[in-house]
Amino acid sequence: MIVRIMGEGQVTLAESRLAELNKLDEELLAEMENGDGPGFRATLHALLAKVHDLGEPLPDDSLEPSDLILPSPDATLEEVRELLSDDGLIPGP
């Protein structure tokens, strides 16, 4: 699957890796609901770092349709709220 990180580019990520990202996604959602700004920021950075660790970057000149769009590392709580679905940022169980 192709994951776009806004402002950074795209990475390919095996769908089987989504389960590893869901824990961080659940933490991020809880921090947003509680208004925990510092926790939100730390978890967002951890989530994006995990995507980078598990995925392979696409070349900068490649533009593939994205299956998943994640916010930039400097996104605000309000900006991330706009991207959320009922499942959070990462689809899954």
C-alpha atoms as a PDB file:
ATOM      1  CA  MET A   1       0.000   0.000   0.000  1.00  0.00           C
ATOM      2  CA  ILE A   2       1.090   3.588  -0.588  1.00  0.00           C
ATOM      3  CA  VAL A   3       1.165   5.918   2.418  1.00  0.00           C
ATOM      4  CA  ARG A   4       1.502   9.671   1.963  1.00  0.00           C
ATOM      5  CA  ILE A   5       2.867  11.758   4.792  1.00  0.00           C
ATOM      6  CA  MET A   6       1.751  15.288   4.074  1.00  0.00           C
ATOM      7  CA  GLY A   7       4.693  17.553   3.339  1.00  0.00           C
ATOM      8  CA  GLU A   8       7.158  14.645   3.196  1.00  0.00           C
ATOM      9  CA  GLY A   9       6.281  12.291   0.351  1.00  0.00           C
ATOM     10  CA  GLN A  10       5.183   8.694  -0.031  1.00  0.00           C
ATOM     11  CA  VAL A  11       6.324   5.307   1.260  1.00  0.00           C
ATOM     12  CA  THR A  12       5.284   1.793   0.344  1.00  0.00           C
ATOM     13  CA  LEU A  13       4.131  -0.242   3.305  1.00  0.00           C
ATOM     14  CA  ALA A  14       2.926  -3.833   3.490  1.00  0.00           C
ATOM     15  CA  GLU A  15      -0.699  -3.975   4.633  1.00  0.00           C
ATOM     16  CA  SER A  16       0.343  -6.627   7.135  1.00  0.00           C
ATOM     17  CA  ARG A  17       2.224  -3.857   8.992  1.00  0.00           C
ATOM     18  CA  LEU A  18      -0.914  -1.835   9.709  1.00  0.00           C
ATOM     19  CA  ALA A  19      -1.566  -3.796  12.885  1.00  0.00           C
ATOM     20  CA  GLU A  20       1.764  -2.524  14.248  1.00  0.00           C
ATOM     21  CA  LEU A  21       0.658   1.051  13.607  1.00  0.00           C
ATOM     22  CA  ASN A  22      -2.798   0.658  15.157  1.00  0.00           C
ATOM     23  CA  LYS A  23      -1.520   0.765  18.754  1.00  0.00           C
ATOM     24  CA  LEU A  24       0.052   4.165  18.170  1.00  0.00           C
ATOM     25  CA  ASP A  25      -3.045   5.299  16.288  1.00  0.00           C
ATOM     26  CA  GLU A  26      -5.237   4.335  19.261  1.00  0.00           C
ATOM     27  CA  GLU A  27      -2.930   6.244  21.623  1.00  0.00           C
ATOM     28  CA  LEU A  28      -3.071   9.278  19.348  1.00  0.00           C
ATOM     29  CA  LEU A  29      -6.862   9.170  19.269  1.00  0.00           C
ATOM     30  CA  ALA A  30      -7.068   8.951  23.075  1.00  0.00           C
ATOM     31  CA  GLU A  31      -4.671  11.878  23.502  1.00  0.00           C
ATOM     32  CA  MET A  32      -6.702  13.956  21.089  1.00  0.00           C
ATOM     33  CA  GLU A  33      -9.928  13.159  22.930  1.00  0.00           C
ATOM     34  CA  ASN A  34      -8.267  14.142  26.230  1.00  0.00           C
ATOM     35  CA  GLY A  35      -6.728  17.315  24.781  1.00  0.00           C
ATOM     36  CA  ASP A  36      -3.234  16.075  25.679  1.00  0.00           C
ATOM     37  CA  GLY A  37      -1.170  18.328  23.399  1.00  0.00           C
ATOM     38  CA  PRO A  38       2.314  17.132  24.416  1.00  0.00           C
ATOM     39  CA  GLY A  39       1.253  13.470  24.341  1.00  0.00           C
ATOM     40  CA  PHE A  40      -0.404  13.990  20.972  1.00  0.00           C
ATOM     41  CA  ARG A  41       2.760  15.541  19.528  1.00  0.00           C
ATOM     42  CA  ALA A  42       5.012  12.742  20.854  1.00  0.00           C
ATOM     43  CA  THR A  43       2.705   9.985  19.613  1.00  0.00           C
ATOM     44  CA  LEU A  44       2.266  11.598  16.190  1.00  0.00           C
ATOM     45  CA  HIS A  45       6.053  11.716  15.803  1.00  0.00           C
ATOM     46  CA  ALA A  46       6.330   8.082  16.971  1.00  0.00           C
ATOM     47  CA  LEU A  47       3.641   7.004  14.482  1.00  0.00           C
ATOM     48  CA  LEU A  48       5.348   8.742  11.568  1.00  0.00           C
ATOM     49  CA  ALA A  49       8.750   7.366  12.609  1.00  0.00           C
ATOM     50  CA  LYS A  50       7.262   3.847  12.649  1.00  0.00           C
ATOM     51  CA  VAL A  51       5.881   4.353   9.126  1.00  0.00           C
ATOM     52  CA  HIS A  52       9.365   5.410   8.001  1.00  0.00           C
ATOM     53  CA  ASP A  53      10.933   2.398   9.764  1.00  0.00           C
ATOM     54  CA  LEU A  54       8.491  -0.139   8.313  1.00  0.00           C
ATOM     55  CA  GLY A  55       8.120   1.363   4.841  1.00  0.00           C
ATOM     56  CA  GLU A  56      10.290   2.079   1.840  1.00  0.00           C
ATOM     57  CA  PRO A  57      10.328   5.640   0.488  1.00  0.00           C
ATOM     58  CA  LEU A  58       9.187   6.163  -3.078  1.00  0.00           C
ATOM     59  CA  PRO A  59      11.390   8.348  -5.287  1.00  0.00           C
ATOM     60  CA  ASP A  60      10.612  12.063  -5.007  1.00  0.00           C
ATOM     61  CA  ASP A  61       9.572  12.197  -8.666  1.00  0.00           C
ATOM     62  CA  SER A  62       7.071   9.340  -8.209  1.00  0.00           C
ATOM     63  CA  LEU A  63       3.441  10.234  -7.643  1.00  0.00           C
ATOM     64  CA  GLU A  64       1.278   7.191  -6.934  1.00  0.00           C
ATOM     65  CA  PRO A  65      -2.331   7.197  -5.698  1.00  0.00           C
ATOM     66  CA  SER A  66      -2.200   7.098  -1.904  1.00  0.00           C
ATOM     67  CA  ASP A  67      -4.101   4.432   0.014  1.00  0.00           C
ATOM     68  CA  LEU A  68      -3.552   6.218   3.313  1.00  0.00           C
ATOM     69  CA  ILE A  69      -2.778   9.878   4.079  1.00  0.00           C
ATOM     70  CA  LEU A  70      -1.117  10.838   7.343  1.00  0.00           C
ATOM     71  CA  PRO A  71      -0.587  14.355   8.684  1.00  0.00           C
ATOM     72  CA  SER A  72       2.750  16.132   8.634  1.00  0.00           C
ATOM     73  CA  PRO A  73       4.887  15.994  11.787  1.00  0.00           C
ATOM     74  CA  ASP A  74       4.024  19.617  12.579  1.00  0.00           C
ATOM     75  CA  ALA A  75       0.244  19.215  12.129  1.00  0.00           C
ATOM     76  CA  THR A  76      -1.913  20.710  14.848  1.00  0.00           C
ATOM     77  CA  LEU A  77      -4.436  18.799  16.899  1.00  0.00           C
ATOM     78  CA  GLU A  78      -7.224  20.521  14.955  1.00  0.00           C
ATOM     79  CA  GLU A  79      -5.710  19.609  11.571  1.00  0.00           C
ATOM     80  CA  VAL A  80      -5.417  15.968  12.579  1.00  0.00           C
ATOM     81  CA  ARG A  81      -9.018  15.918  13.829  1.00  0.00           C
ATOM     82  CA  GLU A  82     -10.116  16.825  10.294  1.00  0.00           C
ATOM     83  CA  LEU A  83      -8.289  13.755   8.908  1.00  0.00           C
ATOM     84  CA  LEU A  84      -9.753  11.286  11.403  1.00  0.00           C
ATOM     85  CA  SER A  85     -12.286   8.629  10.581  1.00  0.00           C
ATOM     86  CA  ASP A  86     -14.095   6.455  13.128  1.00  0.00           C
ATOM     87  CA  ASP A  87     -11.055   4.145  13.067  1.00  0.00           C
ATOM     88  CA  GLY A  88      -8.545   6.946  13.669  1.00  0.00           C
ATOM     89  CA  LEU A  89      -5.868   7.634  11.058  1.00  0.00           C
ATOM     90  CA  ILE A  90      -5.031   3.969  10.411  1.00  0.00           C
ATOM     91  CA  PRO A  91      -7.833   1.629   9.287  1.00  0.00           C
ATOM     92  CA  GLY A  92      -8.105  -1.613  11.150  1.00  0.00           C
ATOM     93  CA  PRO A  93      -9.560  -3.515  14.058  1.00  0.00           C
END
